[in-house]
Amino acid sequence: MSLFGDGLEAAVQKAFTRPAPKSAGAQMRYLVKQMKGTKPVAQMLRVSQRTVERYVKDQIKKPRPDLAARMEREVKARWQPQIRAKARQQAATTGGIVIDTRARIGYTAPIGSTDDARLRHLTVALPPQYAARLFDAQQAGATEQQLQQIAAEGLKEVYFQDGGRRAGMLEEVRFTDIEHIEFDL
């Protein structure tokens, strides 16, 4: 499970204007329509083509838990792509992104200051350039560690340095032991 990747996706999904299909038949019909056939859906979900056809006709109504999770994940990944793109664009240009986290946060600083990492609960609004970097990195297939580093740089600038007004000698922020992280646009 990817905390940062899944958190960014959940933030974008809050922008949906309509709920995604809930029933197995509706989800399967949506996937068949999106992928233009039952065969590609069957290959993607690792089931037989006949099974997909049965879901489309509502002959099967209750999928196995693992299949239900795969169907839901695939539907949400394809649901309202224009709304999703618009929400990302707005966050990356004007709105920014809000991070609510409880994690161990420390920093590297000059000798003589206390730089011990400690557990903090922060809710910080990051400027649009960090939202853009996070979404671009996610689209490019960045690792969890890379997304975490971008978020740490944003926290350094906004929370610790207050946009350059304090802690100018701060070198690096360490963002570890994440208990909770949530994003909002």
Foldseek 3Di string as FASTA:
>chain_A
DQQLLVQVLVQLLVLDPDDFDDWQLSLLVVVCVVVVHLVVVCVQLVHDSVVSVCSVVVVDTDDDPVSSVSSVVVRSVPPPPVSSVVVLVCCLPPNAKKKWWWFFKFFDFDPPDDGGTDTDTDIDGFHNNLSNVLVVCVVVPHDSVVSVQSVQVRCCCCPVCNNPVDPPRIDGMDTDPTPDMHMHD
